[in-house]
Amino acid sequence: VQCEYYALEGLSQLLETIELIKENIEPNLDIMGAVLTMSDRRNRLSASVIKEVRRNFPGNVFEVVIPRAVALAEAPSYGKPISHYNSFSKGARAYKNLAQEIIKLSK
């Protein structure tokens, strides 16, 4: 979920779609959680969206928040994942932390 207003709107629609799929196609479908992305600490909107998502979807949002970062935007143009493009960047560290959080939850 991008830390933007319309992304917050889209999250509700996505969850409704997931419920429809569960009811009609795959009752065992479940989501692990939402990932908050493109967060900018300098921007009050990002903080507001993070707060709203956590309030409206408790227990369904990962703790790690992915920041808005130049390296994350540049990596795809070089055809590389962030872990190979700039593994020490703020964005790469955030995704590594997210992977660790997912692994921990999967155990």
N, C-alpha and C. Protein backbone atom coordinates (compact mmCIF):
# COMPACT_ATOMS: atom_id res chain seq x y z
N VAL A 1 0.85 -1.16 0.00
CA VAL A 1 0.00 0.00 0.00
C VAL A 1 0.90 1.23 0.00
N GLN A 2 0.82 2.02 -1.05
CA GLN A 2 1.58 3.27 -1.06
C GLN A 2 1.01 4.19 0.01
N CYS A 3 1.83 4.95 0.62
CA CYS A 3 1.40 5.89 1.66
C CYS A 3 0.80 7.13 1.01
N GLU A 4 -0.26 6.90 0.26
CA GLU A 4 -1.00 7.94 -0.46
C GLU A 4 -2.49 7.71 -0.22
N TYR A 5 -3.28 8.76 -0.36
CA TYR A 5 -4.71 8.68 -0.07
C TYR A 5 -5.43 7.64 -0.94
N TYR A 6 -5.25 7.69 -2.26
CA TYR A 6 -5.99 6.78 -3.13
C TYR A 6 -5.59 5.32 -2.92
N ALA A 7 -4.39 5.07 -2.50
CA ALA A 7 -3.97 3.70 -2.19
C ALA A 7 -4.76 3.18 -1.00
N LEU A 8 -5.05 4.04 -0.05
CA LEU A 8 -5.86 3.67 1.10
C LEU A 8 -7.27 3.28 0.65
N GLU A 9 -7.81 4.04 -0.29
CA GLU A 9 -9.12 3.70 -0.87
C GLU A 9 -9.06 2.33 -1.55
N GLY A 10 -8.01 2.09 -2.30
CA GLY A 10 -7.87 0.84 -3.04
C GLY A 10 -7.72 -0.37 -2.13
N LEU A 11 -7.16 -0.19 -0.94
CA LEU A 11 -6.99 -1.30 -0.01
C LEU A 11 -8.34 -1.87 0.40
N SER A 12 -9.30 -1.02 0.67
CA SER A 12 -10.64 -1.49 1.03
C SER A 12 -11.25 -2.31 -0.10
N GLN A 13 -11.09 -1.83 -1.32
CA GLN A 13 -11.62 -2.56 -2.47
C GLN A 13 -10.92 -3.90 -2.65
N LEU A 14 -9.62 -3.93 -2.44
CA LEU A 14 -8.85 -5.17 -2.55
C LEU A 14 -9.34 -6.19 -1.52
N LEU A 15 -9.55 -5.76 -0.30
CA LEU A 15 -10.03 -6.67 0.73
C LEU A 15 -11.42 -7.21 0.42
N GLU A 16 -12.28 -6.38 -0.17
CA GLU A 16 -13.60 -6.85 -0.61
C GLU A 16 -13.46 -7.92 -1.68
N THR A 17 -12.53 -7.72 -2.61
CA THR A 17 -12.29 -8.70 -3.67
C THR A 17 -11.77 -10.01 -3.08
N ILE A 18 -10.89 -9.92 -2.12
CA ILE A 18 -10.37 -11.13 -1.47
C ILE A 18 -11.50 -11.90 -0.79
N GLU A 19 -12.41 -11.18 -0.14
CA GLU A 19 -13.55 -11.84 0.50
C GLU A 19 -14.44 -12.54 -0.53
N LEU A 20 -14.66 -11.92 -1.67
CA LEU A 20 -15.45 -12.54 -2.73
C LEU A 20 -14.79 -13.82 -3.23
N ILE A 21 -13.49 -13.78 -3.39
CA ILE A 21 -12.75 -14.97 -3.84
C ILE A 21 -12.86 -16.07 -2.80
N LYS A 22 -12.73 -15.71 -1.53
CA LYS A 22 -12.85 -16.70 -0.46
C LYS A 22 -14.23 -17.34 -0.45
N GLU A 23 -15.26 -16.54 -0.66
CA GLU A 23 -16.63 -17.04 -0.63
C GLU A 23 -16.95 -17.92 -1.83
N ASN A 24 -16.39 -17.61 -2.99
CA ASN A 24 -16.82 -18.25 -4.22
C ASN A 24 -15.82 -19.21 -4.86
N ILE A 25 -14.55 -19.05 -4.58
CA ILE A 25 -13.56 -19.84 -5.29
C ILE A 25 -12.63 -20.60 -4.36
N GLU A 26 -12.01 -19.89 -3.44
CA GLU A 26 -10.97 -20.50 -2.61
C GLU A 26 -11.15 -20.10 -1.14
N PRO A 27 -11.89 -20.92 -0.39
CA PRO A 27 -12.17 -20.58 1.00
C PRO A 27 -10.92 -20.53 1.89
N ASN A 28 -9.84 -21.15 1.48
CA ASN A 28 -8.62 -21.17 2.29
C ASN A 28 -7.68 -19.99 2.00
N LEU A 29 -8.08 -19.13 1.07
CA LEU A 29 -7.26 -17.97 0.73
C LEU A 29 -7.14 -17.06 1.95
N ASP A 30 -5.93 -16.63 2.23
CA ASP A 30 -5.71 -15.73 3.35
C ASP A 30 -4.56 -14.80 2.99
N ILE A 31 -4.57 -13.62 3.58
CA ILE A 31 -3.47 -12.70 3.35
C ILE A 31 -2.58 -12.68 4.59
N MET A 32 -1.32 -12.50 4.37
CA MET A 32 -0.38 -12.43 5.47
C MET A 32 -0.37 -11.03 6.08
N GLY A 33 -0.52 -10.04 5.23
CA GLY A 33 -0.54 -8.67 5.71
C GLY A 33 -0.29 -7.68 4.60
N ALA A 34 -0.49 -6.42 4.92
CA ALA A 34 -0.25 -5.34 3.97
C ALA A 34 1.13 -4.75 4.24
N VAL A 35 1.80 -4.36 3.17
CA VAL A 35 3.11 -3.72 3.26
C VAL A 35 2.92 -2.24 2.92
N LEU A 36 3.32 -1.38 3.82
CA LEU A 36 3.25 0.06 3.58
C LEU A 36 4.51 0.49 2.83
N THR A 37 4.33 1.11 1.66
CA THR A 37 5.46 1.48 0.81
C THR A 37 5.45 2.96 0.47
N MET A 38 6.57 3.40 -0.06
CA MET A 38 6.75 4.77 -0.55
C MET A 38 6.43 5.80 0.53
N SER A 39 6.84 5.48 1.74
CA SER A 39 6.63 6.38 2.86
C SER A 39 7.69 7.48 2.86
N ASP A 40 7.25 8.68 3.15
CA ASP A 40 8.17 9.82 3.24
C ASP A 40 7.98 10.44 4.62
N ARG A 41 8.96 10.30 5.48
CA ARG A 41 8.86 10.80 6.86
C ARG A 41 8.66 12.30 6.93
N ARG A 42 9.04 13.00 5.88
CA ARG A 42 8.89 14.46 5.87
C ARG A 42 7.47 14.88 5.55
N ASN A 43 6.64 13.93 5.17
CA ASN A 43 5.31 14.21 4.66
C ASN A 43 4.26 13.76 5.67
N ARG A 44 3.40 14.67 6.11
CA ARG A 44 2.36 14.31 7.07
C ARG A 44 1.36 13.33 6.49
N LEU A 45 1.16 13.37 5.18
CA LEU A 45 0.22 12.45 4.56
C LEU A 45 0.66 11.00 4.76
N SER A 46 1.95 10.72 4.61
CA SER A 46 2.45 9.36 4.83
C SER A 46 2.13 8.90 6.25
N ALA A 47 2.40 9.74 7.22
CA ALA A 47 2.13 9.37 8.62
C ALA A 47 0.64 9.15 8.84
N SER A 48 -0.17 9.96 8.22
CA SER A 48 -1.62 9.83 8.36
C SER A 48 -2.13 8.52 7.74
N VAL A 49 -1.63 8.18 6.56
CA VAL A 49 -2.04 6.94 5.91
C VAL A 49 -1.59 5.73 6.73
N ILE A 50 -0.37 5.76 7.23
CA ILE A 50 0.13 4.66 8.06
C ILE A 50 -0.77 4.48 9.28
N LYS A 51 -1.10 5.58 9.92
CA LYS A 51 -1.97 5.53 11.10
C LYS A 51 -3.34 4.95 10.76
N GLU A 52 -3.93 5.39 9.65
CA GLU A 52 -5.25 4.92 9.24
C GLU A 52 -5.24 3.43 8.89
N VAL A 53 -4.22 3.00 8.15
CA VAL A 53 -4.14 1.59 7.77
C VAL A 53 -4.00 0.73 9.01
N ARG A 54 -3.14 1.11 9.91
CA ARG A 54 -2.95 0.33 11.14
C ARG A 54 -4.22 0.33 12.00
N ARG A 55 -4.93 1.45 12.03
CA ARG A 55 -6.16 1.53 12.83
C ARG A 55 -7.29 0.70 12.22
N ASN A 56 -7.42 0.74 10.90
CA ASN A 56 -8.52 0.06 10.23
C ASN A 56 -8.28 -1.42 9.96
N PHE A 57 -7.02 -1.82 9.94
CA PHE A 57 -6.68 -3.21 9.65
C PHE A 57 -5.70 -3.76 10.69
N PRO A 58 -6.09 -3.72 11.96
CA PRO A 58 -5.16 -4.16 13.01
C PRO A 58 -4.77 -5.63 12.84
N GLY A 59 -3.49 -5.89 13.02
CA GLY A 59 -3.00 -7.25 12.89
C GLY A 59 -2.78 -7.70 11.46
N ASN A 60 -3.09 -6.84 10.49
CA ASN A 60 -2.95 -7.19 9.08
C ASN A 60 -1.95 -6.30 8.35
N VAL A 61 -1.10 -5.62 9.11
CA VAL A 61 -0.13 -4.70 8.51
C VAL A 61 1.25 -5.05 9.06
N PHE A 62 2.21 -5.23 8.17
CA PHE A 62 3.57 -5.51 8.61
C PHE A 62 4.13 -4.30 9.35
N GLU A 63 5.02 -4.55 10.29
CA GLU A 63 5.65 -3.47 11.06
C GLU A 63 6.61 -2.66 10.20
N VAL A 64 7.36 -3.34 9.34
CA VAL A 64 8.34 -2.65 8.49
C VAL A 64 7.60 -1.77 7.49
N VAL A 65 8.07 -0.54 7.36
CA VAL A 65 7.54 0.41 6.39
C VAL A 65 8.65 0.68 5.38
N ILE A 66 8.32 0.54 4.10
CA ILE A 66 9.30 0.76 3.04
C ILE A 66 9.34 2.25 2.70
N PRO A 67 10.52 2.88 2.77
CA PRO A 67 10.60 4.32 2.50
C PRO A 67 10.61 4.62 1.00
N ARG A 68 10.28 5.85 0.70
CA ARG A 68 10.47 6.36 -0.67
C ARG A 68 11.98 6.61 -0.78
N ALA A 69 12.62 6.02 -1.78
CA ALA A 69 14.07 6.15 -1.90
C ALA A 69 14.48 6.13 -3.36
N VAL A 70 15.45 6.94 -3.68
CA VAL A 70 15.94 7.04 -5.05
C VAL A 70 16.44 5.70 -5.57
N ALA A 71 17.20 4.98 -4.76
CA ALA A 71 17.75 3.69 -5.20
C ALA A 71 16.64 2.71 -5.56
N LEU A 72 15.54 2.73 -4.82
CA LEU A 72 14.41 1.84 -5.14
C LEU A 72 13.79 2.20 -6.48
N ALA A 73 13.76 3.47 -6.80
CA ALA A 73 13.22 3.91 -8.09
C ALA A 73 14.19 3.61 -9.24
N GLU A 74 15.48 3.67 -8.98
CA GLU A 74 16.49 3.45 -10.03
C GLU A 74 16.72 1.98 -10.36
N ALA A 75 16.65 1.11 -9.38
CA ALA A 75 17.00 -0.31 -9.58
C ALA A 75 16.30 -0.96 -10.77
N PRO A 76 14.98 -0.79 -10.95
CA PRO A 76 14.33 -1.44 -12.10
C PRO A 76 14.85 -0.96 -13.45
N SER A 77 15.27 0.31 -13.53
CA SER A 77 15.77 0.81 -14.82
C SER A 77 17.10 0.16 -15.20
N TYR A 78 17.77 -0.43 -14.23
CA TYR A 78 19.01 -1.17 -14.48
C TYR A 78 18.75 -2.67 -14.54
N GLY A 79 17.49 -3.05 -14.44
CA GLY A 79 17.13 -4.47 -14.52
C GLY A 79 17.61 -5.28 -13.33
N LYS A 80 17.72 -4.64 -12.19
CA LYS A 80 18.24 -5.34 -11.01
C LYS A 80 17.30 -5.17 -9.83
N PRO A 81 17.26 -6.18 -8.96
CA PRO A 81 16.55 -5.99 -7.70
C PRO A 81 17.38 -5.06 -6.82
N ILE A 82 16.74 -4.44 -5.86
CA ILE A 82 17.45 -3.50 -5.00
C ILE A 82 18.61 -4.17 -4.26
N SER A 83 18.47 -5.45 -3.96
CA SER A 83 19.54 -6.17 -3.25
C SER A 83 20.82 -6.28 -4.07
N HIS A 84 20.71 -6.19 -5.39
CA HIS A 84 21.90 -6.23 -6.24
C HIS A 84 22.32 -4.84 -6.72
N TYR A 85 21.36 -3.95 -6.84
CA TYR A 85 21.66 -2.60 -7.32
C TYR A 85 22.39 -1.78 -6.26
N ASN A 86 21.85 -1.79 -5.04
CA ASN A 86 22.46 -1.02 -3.95
C ASN A 86 22.03 -1.66 -2.63
N SER A 87 22.72 -2.71 -2.26
CA SER A 87 22.31 -3.52 -1.11
C SER A 87 22.44 -2.81 0.24
N PHE A 88 23.14 -1.68 0.27
CA PHE A 88 23.30 -0.96 1.53
C PHE A 88 22.39 0.27 1.62
N SER A 89 21.53 0.45 0.62
CA SER A 89 20.64 1.60 0.62
C SER A 89 19.54 1.44 1.68
N LYS A 90 18.93 2.55 2.01
CA LYS A 90 17.84 2.56 2.99
C LYS A 90 16.71 1.63 2.53
N GLY A 91 16.39 1.66 1.25
CA GLY A 91 15.32 0.81 0.72
C GLY A 91 15.67 -0.66 0.77
N ALA A 92 16.91 -1.01 0.44
CA ALA A 92 17.34 -2.41 0.49
C ALA A 92 17.29 -2.94 1.91
N ARG A 93 17.72 -2.13 2.86
CA ARG A 93 17.66 -2.56 4.27
C ARG A 93 16.22 -2.76 4.72
N ALA A 94 15.33 -1.89 4.26
CA ALA A 94 13.91 -2.03 4.64
C ALA A 94 13.33 -3.32 4.08
N TYR A 95 13.62 -3.64 2.82
CA TYR A 95 13.10 -4.87 2.24
C TYR A 95 13.71 -6.10 2.90
N LYS A 96 14.97 -6.02 3.30
CA LYS A 96 15.59 -7.13 4.02
C LYS A 96 14.88 -7.34 5.36
N ASN A 97 14.59 -6.25 6.05
CA ASN A 97 13.86 -6.34 7.32
C ASN A 97 12.46 -6.91 7.12
N LEU A 98 11.82 -6.53 6.02
CA LEU A 98 10.49 -7.07 5.71
C LEU A 98 10.59 -8.58 5.49
N ALA A 99 11.59 -9.01 4.75
CA ALA A 99 11.77 -10.46 4.51
C ALA A 99 11.97 -11.20 5.83
N GLN A 100 12.73 -10.61 6.72
CA GLN A 100 12.94 -11.24 8.04
C GLN A 100 11.65 -11.29 8.84
N GLU A 101 10.83 -10.25 8.73
CA GLU A 101 9.55 -10.24 9.43
C GLU A 101 8.62 -11.33 8.88
N ILE A 102 8.60 -11.49 7.56
CA ILE A 102 7.78 -12.52 6.93
C ILE A 102 8.24 -13.91 7.36
N ILE A 103 9.55 -14.13 7.34
CA ILE A 103 10.09 -15.44 7.76
C ILE A 103 9.70 -15.73 9.20
N LYS A 104 9.84 -14.75 10.05
CA LYS A 104 9.50 -14.93 11.46
C LYS A 104 8.01 -15.28 11.63
N LEU A 105 7.14 -14.63 10.88
CA LEU A 105 5.71 -14.90 10.96
C LEU A 105 5.34 -16.26 10.38
N SER A 106 6.15 -16.73 9.45
CA SER A 106 5.86 -18.01 8.77
C SER A 106 6.19 -19.22 9.63
N LYS A 107 6.97 -19.04 10.68
CA LYS A 107 7.40 -20.17 11.51
C LYS A 107 6.31 -20.59 12.47
